Amino acid sequence: MLEKTSGEWLQQLDHLKIPCGPINTLDKVFADPQVKEREMVVEVPHPTAGMVKLVASPMKFSRTPCQIQRHPPLLGEHTAEVLCTLLGYTQEEIDALRQEGVV
């Protein structure tokens, strides 16, 4: 494999009708024309990291576009919300879990 470049291998394998594709580094992935054309990278504000780049949704709907609603969460940012809203814990139970070092 070291005798040829990845482009040479891809061309030769394509000529032989062998399905193949490159394994790209992240910089090559995000520089890809299709990634740019499909607007697959979005920037969102983050409370501690400034503007961060995220991968956008691959679904592109004309009438109901997908949008990123929040920044990536901080550690423990939604713990109380999940415990309360989804699991039915009371604030007192959540406080007890915090005092015990569980959360």
PDB file of N, CA and C in Angstrom:
ATOM      1  N   MET A   1       0.814  -1.199   0.000  1.00  0.00           N
ATOM      2  CA  MET A   1       0.000   0.000   0.000  1.00  0.00           C
ATOM      3  C   MET A   1       0.858   1.265   0.000  1.00  0.00           C
ATOM      4  N   LEU A   2       2.085   1.144   0.501  1.00  0.00           N
ATOM      5  CA  LEU A   2       2.955   2.310   0.587  1.00  0.00           C
ATOM      6  C   LEU A   2       3.571   2.690  -0.761  1.00  0.00           C
ATOM      7  N   GLU A   3       3.397   1.835  -1.752  1.00  0.00           N
ATOM      8  CA  GLU A   3       4.032   2.076  -3.053  1.00  0.00           C
ATOM      9  C   GLU A   3       3.298   3.109  -3.894  1.00  0.00           C
ATOM     10  N   LYS A   4       2.026   3.397  -3.574  1.00  0.00           N
ATOM     11  CA  LYS A   4       1.233   4.338  -4.359  1.00  0.00           C
ATOM     12  C   LYS A   4       0.501   5.293  -3.426  1.00  0.00           C
ATOM     13  N   THR A   5       0.067   6.401  -3.977  1.00  0.00           N
ATOM     14  CA  THR A   5      -0.740   7.340  -3.188  1.00  0.00           C
ATOM     15  C   THR A   5      -2.164   6.807  -3.086  1.00  0.00           C
ATOM     16  N   SER A   6      -2.918   7.362  -2.163  1.00  0.00           N
ATOM     17  CA  SER A   6      -4.317   6.927  -2.036  1.00  0.00           C
ATOM     18  C   SER A   6      -5.085   7.223  -3.322  1.00  0.00           C
ATOM     19  N   GLY A   7      -4.795   8.355  -3.958  1.00  0.00           N
ATOM     20  CA  GLY A   7      -5.449   8.676  -5.229  1.00  0.00           C
ATOM     21  C   GLY A   7      -5.164   7.640  -6.309  1.00  0.00           C
ATOM     22  N   GLU A   8      -3.935   7.183  -6.369  1.00  0.00           N
ATOM     23  CA  GLU A   8      -3.580   6.151  -7.355  1.00  0.00           C
ATOM     24  C   GLU A   8      -4.312   4.853  -7.068  1.00  0.00           C
ATOM     25  N   TRP A   9      -4.361   4.463  -5.792  1.00  0.00           N
ATOM     26  CA  TRP A   9      -5.089   3.246  -5.431  1.00  0.00           C
ATOM     27  C   TRP A   9      -6.578   3.379  -5.756  1.00  0.00           C
ATOM     28  N   LEU A  10      -7.167   4.507  -5.421  1.00  0.00           N
ATOM     29  CA  LEU A  10      -8.585   4.712  -5.699  1.00  0.00           C
ATOM     30  C   LEU A  10      -8.869   4.618  -7.193  1.00  0.00           C
ATOM     31  N   GLN A  11      -8.007   5.217  -7.990  1.00  0.00           N
ATOM     32  CA  GLN A  11      -8.188   5.173  -9.442  1.00  0.00           C
ATOM     33  C   GLN A  11      -8.074   3.739  -9.960  1.00  0.00           C
ATOM     34  N   GLN A  12      -7.074   3.006  -9.486  1.00  0.00           N
ATOM     35  CA  GLN A  12      -6.885   1.632  -9.940  1.00  0.00           C
ATOM     36  C   GLN A  12      -8.042   0.737  -9.496  1.00  0.00           C
ATOM     37  N   LEU A  13      -8.470   0.860  -8.256  1.00  0.00           N
ATOM     38  CA  LEU A  13      -9.583   0.053  -7.763  1.00  0.00           C
ATOM     39  C   LEU A  13     -10.884   0.410  -8.472  1.00  0.00           C
ATOM     40  N   ASP A  14     -11.097   1.688  -8.741  1.00  0.00           N
ATOM     41  CA  ASP A  14     -12.282   2.116  -9.483  1.00  0.00           C
ATOM     42  C   ASP A  14     -12.283   1.524 -10.885  1.00  0.00           C
ATOM     43  N   HIS A  15     -11.132   1.522 -11.520  1.00  0.00           N
ATOM     44  CA  HIS A  15     -10.995   0.940 -12.862  1.00  0.00           C
ATOM     45  C   HIS A  15     -11.365  -0.548 -12.852  1.00  0.00           C
ATOM     46  N   LEU A  16     -11.060  -1.242 -11.751  1.00  0.00           N
ATOM     47  CA  LEU A  16     -11.385  -2.661 -11.614  1.00  0.00           C
ATOM     48  C   LEU A  16     -12.803  -2.887 -11.087  1.00  0.00           C
ATOM     49  N   LYS A  17     -13.553  -1.785 -10.935  1.00  0.00           N
ATOM     50  CA  LYS A  17     -14.932  -1.812 -10.435  1.00  0.00           C
ATOM     51  C   LYS A  17     -15.024  -2.386  -9.010  1.00  0.00           C
ATOM     52  N   ILE A  18     -14.032  -2.078  -8.225  1.00  0.00           N
ATOM     53  CA  ILE A  18     -14.021  -2.475  -6.817  1.00  0.00           C
ATOM     54  C   ILE A  18     -14.486  -1.261  -6.005  1.00  0.00           C
ATOM     55  N   PRO A  19     -15.608  -1.405  -5.294  1.00  0.00           N
ATOM     56  CA  PRO A  19     -16.106  -0.268  -4.505  1.00  0.00           C
ATOM     57  C   PRO A  19     -15.059   0.177  -3.487  1.00  0.00           C
ATOM     58  N   CYS A  20     -14.821   1.458  -3.434  1.00  0.00           N
ATOM     59  CA  CYS A  20     -13.819   1.969  -2.508  1.00  0.00           C
ATOM     60  C   CYS A  20     -14.026   3.460  -2.288  1.00  0.00           C
ATOM     61  N   GLY A  21     -13.355   3.973  -1.318  1.00  0.00           N
ATOM     62  CA  GLY A  21     -13.380   5.399  -1.037  1.00  0.00           C
ATOM     63  C   GLY A  21     -12.267   5.730  -0.086  1.00  0.00           C
ATOM     64  N   PRO A  22     -11.892   6.981  -0.024  1.00  0.00           N
ATOM     65  CA  PRO A  22     -10.787   7.370   0.859  1.00  0.00           C
ATOM     66  C   PRO A  22     -11.217   7.397   2.323  1.00  0.00           C
ATOM     67  N   ILE A  23     -10.253   7.215   3.189  1.00  0.00           N
ATOM     68  CA  ILE A  23     -10.455   7.461   4.618  1.00  0.00           C
ATOM     69  C   ILE A  23      -9.744   8.773   4.891  1.00  0.00           C
ATOM     70  N   ASN A  24     -10.525   9.811   5.136  1.00  0.00           N
ATOM     71  CA  ASN A  24      -9.983  11.161   5.241  1.00  0.00           C
ATOM     72  C   ASN A  24      -9.687  11.561   6.676  1.00  0.00           C
ATOM     73  N   THR A  25      -8.732  12.444   6.819  1.00  0.00           N
ATOM     74  CA  THR A  25      -8.504  13.102   8.097  1.00  0.00           C
ATOM     75  C   THR A  25      -9.586  14.174   8.243  1.00  0.00           C
ATOM     76  N   LEU A  26      -9.792  14.671   9.450  1.00  0.00           N
ATOM     77  CA  LEU A  26     -10.863  15.647   9.674  1.00  0.00           C
ATOM     78  C   LEU A  26     -10.707  16.896   8.830  1.00  0.00           C
ATOM     79  N   ASP A  27      -9.467  17.370   8.648  1.00  0.00           N
ATOM     80  CA  ASP A  27      -9.292  18.569   7.837  1.00  0.00           C
ATOM     81  C   ASP A  27      -9.720  18.327   6.395  1.00  0.00           C
ATOM     82  N   LYS A  28      -9.481  17.119   5.883  1.00  0.00           N
ATOM     83  CA  LYS A  28      -9.906  16.803   4.516  1.00  0.00           C
ATOM     84  C   LYS A  28     -11.419  16.620   4.431  1.00  0.00           C
ATOM     85  N   VAL A  29     -12.000  16.044   5.475  1.00  0.00           N
ATOM     86  CA  VAL A  29     -13.454  15.869   5.483  1.00  0.00           C
ATOM     87  C   VAL A  29     -14.145  17.218   5.356  1.00  0.00           C
ATOM     88  N   PHE A  30     -13.750  18.163   6.190  1.00  0.00           N
ATOM     89  CA  PHE A  30     -14.440  19.453   6.214  1.00  0.00           C
ATOM     90  C   PHE A  30     -14.048  20.371   5.063  1.00  0.00           C
ATOM     91  N   ALA A  31     -12.996  20.011   4.329  1.00  0.00           N
ATOM     92  CA  ALA A  31     -12.626  20.764   3.134  1.00  0.00           C
ATOM     93  C   ALA A  31     -13.291  20.187   1.878  1.00  0.00           C
ATOM     94  N   ASP A  32     -13.960  19.059   2.018  1.00  0.00           N
ATOM     95  CA  ASP A  32     -14.590  18.404   0.876  1.00  0.00           C
ATOM     96  C   ASP A  32     -15.676  19.304   0.277  1.00  0.00           C
ATOM     97  N   PRO A  33     -15.705  19.445  -1.049  1.00  0.00           N
ATOM     98  CA  PRO A  33     -16.700  20.313  -1.691  1.00  0.00           C
ATOM     99  C   PRO A  33     -18.147  19.937  -1.366  1.00  0.00           C
ATOM    100  N   GLN A  34     -18.433  18.631  -1.267  1.00  0.00           N
ATOM    101  CA  GLN A  34     -19.808  18.223  -0.973  1.00  0.00           C
ATOM    102  C   GLN A  34     -20.199  18.608   0.453  1.00  0.00           C
ATOM    103  N   VAL A  35     -19.273  18.479   1.377  1.00  0.00           N
ATOM    104  CA  VAL A  35     -19.538  18.874   2.769  1.00  0.00           C
ATOM    105  C   VAL A  35     -19.844  20.365   2.833  1.00  0.00           C
ATOM    106  N   LYS A  36     -19.070  21.164   2.089  1.00  0.00           N
ATOM    107  CA  LYS A  36     -19.301  22.606   2.063  1.00  0.00           C
ATOM    108  C   LYS A  36     -20.627  22.944   1.383  1.00  0.00           C
ATOM    109  N   GLU A  37     -20.906  22.308   0.253  1.00  0.00           N
ATOM    110  CA  GLU A  37     -22.136  22.594  -0.506  1.00  0.00           C
ATOM    111  C   GLU A  37     -23.382  22.242   0.298  1.00  0.00           C
ATOM    112  N   ARG A  38     -23.319  21.150   1.063  1.00  0.00           N
ATOM    113  CA  ARG A  38     -24.473  20.734   1.866  1.00  0.00           C
ATOM    114  C   ARG A  38     -24.540  21.451   3.208  1.00  0.00           C
ATOM    115  N   GLU A  39     -23.607  22.378   3.436  1.00  0.00           N
ATOM    116  CA  GLU A  39     -23.583  23.144   4.684  1.00  0.00           C
ATOM    117  C   GLU A  39     -23.616  22.229   5.907  1.00  0.00           C
ATOM    118  N   MET A  40     -22.648  21.305   5.944  1.00  0.00           N
ATOM    119  CA  MET A  40     -22.604  20.297   6.988  1.00  0.00           C
ATOM    120  C   MET A  40     -21.828  20.746   8.231  1.00  0.00           C
ATOM    121  N   VAL A  41     -21.345  21.971   8.234  1.00  0.00           N
ATOM    122  CA  VAL A  41     -20.665  22.508   9.410  1.00  0.00           C
ATOM    123  C   VAL A  41     -21.381  23.789   9.819  1.00  0.00           C
ATOM    124  N   VAL A  42     -21.736  23.869  11.090  1.00  0.00           N
ATOM    125  CA  VAL A  42     -22.365  25.075  11.614  1.00  0.00           C
ATOM    126  C   VAL A  42     -21.561  25.556  12.818  1.00  0.00           C
ATOM    127  N   GLU A  43     -21.608  26.840  13.062  1.00  0.00           N
ATOM    128  CA  GLU A  43     -20.959  27.414  14.242  1.00  0.00           C
ATOM    129  C   GLU A  43     -22.030  27.884  15.211  1.00  0.00           C
ATOM    130  N   VAL A  44     -21.845  27.529  16.471  1.00  0.00           N
ATOM    131  CA  VAL A  44     -22.799  27.949  17.501  1.00  0.00           C
ATOM    132  C   VAL A  44     -22.032  28.535  18.689  1.00  0.00           C
ATOM    133  N   PRO A  45     -22.635  29.495  19.379  1.00  0.00           N
ATOM    134  CA  PRO A  45     -21.966  30.049  20.559  1.00  0.00           C
ATOM    135  C   PRO A  45     -22.017  29.065  21.723  1.00  0.00           C
ATOM    136  N   HIS A  46     -20.919  28.985  22.449  1.00  0.00           N
ATOM    137  CA  HIS A  46     -20.817  28.115  23.623  1.00  0.00           C
ATOM    138  C   HIS A  46     -20.427  28.993  24.807  1.00  0.00           C
ATOM    139  N   PRO A  47     -21.005  28.769  25.973  1.00  0.00           N
ATOM    140  CA  PRO A  47     -20.760  29.668  27.107  1.00  0.00           C
ATOM    141  C   PRO A  47     -19.316  29.696  27.606  1.00  0.00           C
ATOM    142  N   THR A  48     -18.544  28.645  27.377  1.00  0.00           N
ATOM    143  CA  THR A  48     -17.157  28.651  27.869  1.00  0.00           C
ATOM    144  C   THR A  48     -16.131  28.531  26.752  1.00  0.00           C
ATOM    145  N   ALA A  49     -16.529  28.072  25.584  1.00  0.00           N
ATOM    146  CA  ALA A  49     -15.568  27.827  24.494  1.00  0.00           C
ATOM    147  C   ALA A  49     -15.687  28.829  23.355  1.00  0.00           C
ATOM    148  N   GLY A  50     -16.538  29.825  23.484  1.00  0.00           N
ATOM    149  CA  GLY A  50     -16.741  30.782  22.393  1.00  0.00           C
ATOM    150  C   GLY A  50     -17.548  30.142  21.276  1.00  0.00           C
ATOM    151  N   MET A  51     -17.195  30.445  20.050  1.00  0.00           N
ATOM    152  CA  MET A  51     -17.884  29.839  18.906  1.00  0.00           C
ATOM    153  C   MET A  51     -17.274  28.458  18.642  1.00  0.00           C
ATOM    154  N   VAL A  52     -18.124  27.441  18.539  1.00  0.00           N
ATOM    155  CA  VAL A  52     -17.639  26.088  18.258  1.00  0.00           C
ATOM    156  C   VAL A  52     -18.271  25.584  16.961  1.00  0.00           C
ATOM    157  N   LYS A  53     -17.493  24.825  16.216  1.00  0.00           N
ATOM    158  CA  LYS A  53     -17.989  24.231  14.975  1.00  0.00           C
ATOM    159  C   LYS A  53     -18.568  22.862  15.293  1.00  0.00           C
ATOM    160  N   LEU A  54     -19.764  22.600  14.747  1.00  0.00           N
ATOM    161  CA  LEU A  54     -20.439  21.327  14.944  1.00  0.00           C
ATOM    162  C   LEU A  54     -20.856  20.762  13.593  1.00  0.00           C
ATOM    163  N   VAL A  55     -21.060  19.466  13.570  1.00  0.00           N
ATOM    164  CA  VAL A  55     -21.579  18.827  12.371  1.00  0.00           C
ATOM    165  C   VAL A  55     -23.076  19.099  12.319  1.00  0.00           C
ATOM    166  N   ALA A  56     -23.537  19.594  11.184  1.00  0.00           N
ATOM    167  CA  ALA A  56     -24.960  19.899  11.002  1.00  0.00           C
ATOM    168  C   ALA A  56     -25.741  18.623  10.711  1.00  0.00           C
ATOM    169  N   SER A  57     -27.027  18.728  10.780  1.00  0.00           N
ATOM    170  CA  SER A  57     -27.881  17.594  10.447  1.00  0.00           C
ATOM    171  C   SER A  57     -27.757  17.268   8.960  1.00  0.00           C
ATOM    172  N   PRO A  58     -27.664  15.990   8.609  1.00  0.00           N
ATOM    173  CA  PRO A  58     -27.622  15.626   7.196  1.00  0.00           C
ATOM    174  C   PRO A  58     -28.989  15.740   6.524  1.00  0.00           C
ATOM    175  N   MET A  59     -30.040  15.880   7.327  1.00  0.00           N
ATOM    176  CA  MET A  59     -31.384  16.011   6.763  1.00  0.00           C
ATOM    177  C   MET A  59     -31.619  17.461   6.371  1.00  0.00           C
ATOM    178  N   LYS A  60     -31.995  17.661   5.131  1.00  0.00           N
ATOM    179  CA  LYS A  60     -32.218  19.014   4.622  1.00  0.00           C
ATOM    180  C   LYS A  60     -33.639  19.085   4.059  1.00  0.00           C
ATOM    181  N   PHE A  61     -34.564  19.613   4.859  1.00  0.00           N
ATOM    182  CA  PHE A  61     -35.961  19.711   4.451  1.00  0.00           C
ATOM    183  C   PHE A  61     -36.283  21.160   4.088  1.00  0.00           C
ATOM    184  N   SER A  62     -36.989  21.360   2.985  1.00  0.00           N
ATOM    185  CA  SER A  62     -37.275  22.720   2.537  1.00  0.00           C
ATOM    186  C   SER A  62     -38.282  23.436   3.444  1.00  0.00           C
ATOM    187  N   ARG A  63     -39.305  22.730   3.917  1.00  0.00           N
ATOM    188  CA  ARG A  63     -40.340  23.386   4.718  1.00  0.00           C
ATOM    189  C   ARG A  63     -40.076  23.316   6.217  1.00  0.00           C
ATOM    190  N   THR A  64     -39.314  22.359   6.643  1.00  0.00           N
ATOM    191  CA  THR A  64     -39.010  22.218   8.071  1.00  0.00           C
ATOM    192  C   THR A  64     -37.511  21.992   8.255  1.00  0.00           C
ATOM    193  N   PRO A  65     -36.716  23.028   8.073  1.00  0.00           N
ATOM    194  CA  PRO A  65     -35.262  22.855   8.196  1.00  0.00           C
ATOM    195  C   PRO A  65     -34.845  22.482   9.615  1.00  0.00           C
ATOM    196  N   CYS A  66     -33.854  21.614   9.703  1.00  0.00           N
ATOM    197  CA  CYS A  66     -33.300  21.232  11.006  1.00  0.00           C
ATOM    198  C   CYS A  66     -32.394  22.346  11.494  1.00  0.00           C
ATOM    199  N   GLN A  67     -32.470  22.640  12.773  1.00  0.00           N
ATOM    200  CA  GLN A  67     -31.623  23.667  13.361  1.00  0.00           C
ATOM    201  C   GLN A  67     -31.059  23.164  14.676  1.00  0.00           C
ATOM    202  N   ILE A  68     -29.834  23.538  14.946  1.00  0.00           N
ATOM    203  CA  ILE A  68     -29.246  23.213  16.242  1.00  0.00           C
ATOM    204  C   ILE A  68     -29.792  24.223  17.237  1.00  0.00           C
ATOM    205  N   GLN A  69     -30.432  23.721  18.285  1.00  0.00           N
ATOM    206  CA  GLN A  69     -31.105  24.586  19.248  1.00  0.00           C
ATOM    207  C   GLN A  69     -30.210  25.002  20.411  1.00  0.00           C
ATOM    208  N   ARG A  70     -29.233  24.154  20.750  1.00  0.00           N
ATOM    209  CA  ARG A  70     -28.409  24.414  21.928  1.00  0.00           C
ATOM    210  C   ARG A  70     -26.943  24.105  21.640  1.00  0.00           C
ATOM    211  N   HIS A  71     -26.105  24.638  22.483  1.00  0.00           N
ATOM    212  CA  HIS A  71     -24.683  24.310  22.438  1.00  0.00           C
ATOM    213  C   HIS A  71     -24.478  22.933  23.061  1.00  0.00           C
ATOM    214  N   PRO A  72     -23.333  22.290  22.818  1.00  0.00           N
ATOM    215  CA  PRO A  72     -23.046  21.045  23.537  1.00  0.00           C
ATOM    216  C   PRO A  72     -23.083  21.325  25.035  1.00  0.00           C
ATOM    217  N   PRO A  73     -23.731  20.476  25.807  1.00  0.00           N
ATOM    218  CA  PRO A  73     -23.926  20.788  27.223  1.00  0.00           C
ATOM    219  C   PRO A  73     -22.634  20.758  28.028  1.00  0.00           C
ATOM    220  N   LEU A  74     -22.615  21.580  29.059  1.00  0.00           N
ATOM    221  CA  LEU A  74     -21.534  21.539  30.034  1.00  0.00           C
ATOM    222  C   LEU A  74     -21.744  20.313  30.909  1.00  0.00           C
ATOM    223  N   LEU A  75     -20.710  19.844  31.552  1.00  0.00           N
ATOM    224  CA  LEU A  75     -20.811  18.674  32.419  1.00  0.00           C
ATOM    225  C   LEU A  75     -21.854  18.930  33.509  1.00  0.00           C
ATOM    226  N   GLY A  76     -22.882  18.099  33.536  1.00  0.00           N
ATOM    227  CA  GLY A  76     -23.914  18.206  34.553  1.00  0.00           C
ATOM    228  C   GLY A  76     -24.944  19.302  34.323  1.00  0.00           C
ATOM    229  N   GLU A  77     -24.874  19.978  33.187  1.00  0.00           N
ATOM    230  CA  GLU A  77     -25.752  21.124  32.946  1.00  0.00           C
ATOM    231  C   GLU A  77     -27.236  20.768  33.018  1.00  0.00           C
ATOM    232  N   HIS A  78     -27.615  19.593  32.569  1.00  0.00           N
ATOM    233  CA  HIS A  78     -29.029  19.223  32.522  1.00  0.00           C
ATOM    234  C   HIS A  78     -29.393  18.099  33.494  1.00  0.00           C
ATOM    235  N   THR A  79     -28.516  17.837  34.446  1.00  0.00           N
ATOM    236  CA  THR A  79     -28.746  16.733  35.373  1.00  0.00           C
ATOM    237  C   THR A  79     -30.066  16.887  36.126  1.00  0.00           C
ATOM    238  N   ALA A  80     -30.271  18.030  36.742  1.00  0.00           N
ATOM    239  CA  ALA A  80     -31.494  18.238  37.523  1.00  0.00           C
ATOM    240  C   ALA A  80     -32.722  18.173  36.630  1.00  0.00           C
ATOM    241  N   GLU A  81     -32.632  18.745  35.452  1.00  0.00           N
ATOM    242  CA  GLU A  81     -33.761  18.730  34.514  1.00  0.00           C
ATOM    243  C   GLU A  81     -34.143  17.297  34.133  1.00  0.00           C
ATOM    244  N   VAL A  82     -33.144  16.465  33.845  1.00  0.00           N
ATOM    245  CA  VAL A  82     -33.415  15.072  33.468  1.00  0.00           C
ATOM    246  C   VAL A  82     -33.983  14.301  34.649  1.00  0.00           C
ATOM    247  N   LEU A  83     -33.365  14.447  35.811  1.00  0.00           N
ATOM    248  CA  LEU A  83     -33.842  13.717  36.985  1.00  0.00           C
ATOM    249  C   LEU A  83     -35.265  14.114  37.354  1.00  0.00           C
ATOM    250  N   CYS A  84     -35.568  15.377  37.257  1.00  0.00           N
ATOM    251  CA  CYS A  84     -36.891  15.879  37.629  1.00  0.00           C
ATOM    252  C   CYS A  84     -37.931  15.583  36.556  1.00  0.00           C
ATOM    253  N   THR A  85     -37.666  16.050  35.341  1.00  0.00           N
ATOM    254  CA  THR A  85     -38.665  15.983  34.277  1.00  0.00           C
ATOM    255  C   THR A  85     -38.872  14.572  33.746  1.00  0.00           C
ATOM    256  N   LEU A  86     -37.786  13.879  33.493  1.00  0.00           N
ATOM    257  CA  LEU A  86     -37.909  12.561  32.867  1.00  0.00           C
ATOM    258  C   LEU A  86     -38.041  11.425  33.869  1.00  0.00           C
ATOM    259  N   LEU A  87     -37.425  11.574  35.046  1.00  0.00           N
ATOM    260  CA  LEU A  87     -37.413  10.467  36.002  1.00  0.00           C
ATOM    261  C   LEU A  87     -38.256  10.715  37.247  1.00  0.00           C
ATOM    262  N   GLY A  88     -38.823  11.919  37.362  1.00  0.00           N
ATOM    263  CA  GLY A  88     -39.764  12.192  38.441  1.00  0.00           C
ATOM    264  C   GLY A  88     -39.154  12.424  39.808  1.00  0.00           C
ATOM    265  N   TYR A  89     -37.859  12.708  39.897  1.00  0.00           N
ATOM    266  CA  TYR A  89     -37.240  12.980  41.187  1.00  0.00           C
ATOM    267  C   TYR A  89     -37.695  14.348  41.701  1.00  0.00           C
ATOM    268  N   THR A  90     -37.802  14.459  43.017  1.00  0.00           N
ATOM    269  CA  THR A  90     -38.111  15.749  43.632  1.00  0.00           C
ATOM    270  C   THR A  90     -36.809  16.525  43.824  1.00  0.00           C
ATOM    271  N   GLN A  91     -36.923  17.813  44.083  1.00  0.00           N
ATOM    272  CA  GLN A  91     -35.720  18.626  44.320  1.00  0.00           C
ATOM    273  C   GLN A  91     -34.968  18.118  45.542  1.00  0.00           C
ATOM    274  N   GLU A  92     -35.703  17.669  46.549  1.00  0.00           N
ATOM    275  CA  GLU A  92     -35.070  17.146  47.768  1.00  0.00           C
ATOM    276  C   GLU A  92     -34.260  15.891  47.446  1.00  0.00           C
ATOM    277  N   GLU A  93     -34.792  15.012  46.607  1.00  0.00           N
ATOM    278  CA  GLU A  93     -34.067  13.793  46.224  1.00  0.00           C
ATOM    279  C   GLU A  93     -32.817  14.131  45.407  1.00  0.00           C
ATOM    280  N   ILE A  94     -32.940  15.113  44.539  1.00  0.00           N
ATOM    281  CA  ILE A  94     -31.798  15.540  43.726  1.00  0.00           C
ATOM    282  C   ILE A  94     -30.724  16.142  44.622  1.00  0.00           C
ATOM    283  N   ASP A  95     -31.136  16.955  45.589  1.00  0.00           N
ATOM    284  CA  ASP A  95     -30.174  17.549  46.535  1.00  0.00           C
ATOM    285  C   ASP A  95     -29.459  16.450  47.328  1.00  0.00           C
ATOM    286  N   ALA A  96     -30.205  15.426  47.742  1.00  0.00           N
ATOM    287  CA  ALA A  96     -29.599  14.315  48.492  1.00  0.00           C
ATOM    288  C   ALA A  96     -28.583  13.575  47.627  1.00  0.00           C
ATOM    289  N   LEU A  97     -28.906  13.358  46.355  1.00  0.00           N
ATOM    290  CA  LEU A  97     -27.958  12.700  45.457  1.00  0.00           C
ATOM    291  C   LEU A  97     -26.691  13.538  45.287  1.00  0.00           C
ATOM    292  N   ARG A  98     -26.851  14.833  45.229  1.00  0.00           N
ATOM    293  CA  ARG A  98     -25.676  15.718  45.117  1.00  0.00           C
ATOM    294  C   ARG A  98     -24.816  15.664  46.380  1.00  0.00           C
ATOM    295  N   GLN A  99     -25.477  15.671  47.549  1.00  0.00           N
ATOM    296  CA  GLN A  99     -24.737  15.611  48.827  1.00  0.00           C
ATOM    297  C   GLN A  99     -23.979  14.295  48.966  1.00  0.00           C
ATOM    298  N   GLU A 100     -24.539  13.223  48.432  1.00  0.00           N
ATOM    299  CA  GLU A 100     -23.889  11.914  48.503  1.00  0.00           C
ATOM    300  C   GLU A 100     -22.824  11.732  47.421  1.00  0.00           C
ATOM    301  N   GLY A 101     -22.720  12.705  46.516  1.00  0.00           N
ATOM    302  CA  GLY A 101     -21.726  12.604  45.437  1.00  0.00           C
ATOM    303  C   GLY A 101     -22.127  11.689  44.302  1.00  0.00           C
ATOM    304  N   VAL A 102     -23.414  11.359  44.245  1.00  0.00           N
ATOM    305  CA  VAL A 102     -23.919  10.497  43.170  1.00  0.00           C
ATOM    306  C   VAL A 102     -23.973  11.262  41.854  1.00  0.00           C
ATOM    307  N   VAL A 103     -24.403  12.503  41.931  1.00  0.00           N
ATOM    308  CA  VAL A 103     -24.457  13.376  40.748  1.00  0.00           C
ATOM    309  C   VAL A 103     -23.711  14.658  41.038  1.00  0.00           C
TER     310      VAL A 103
END
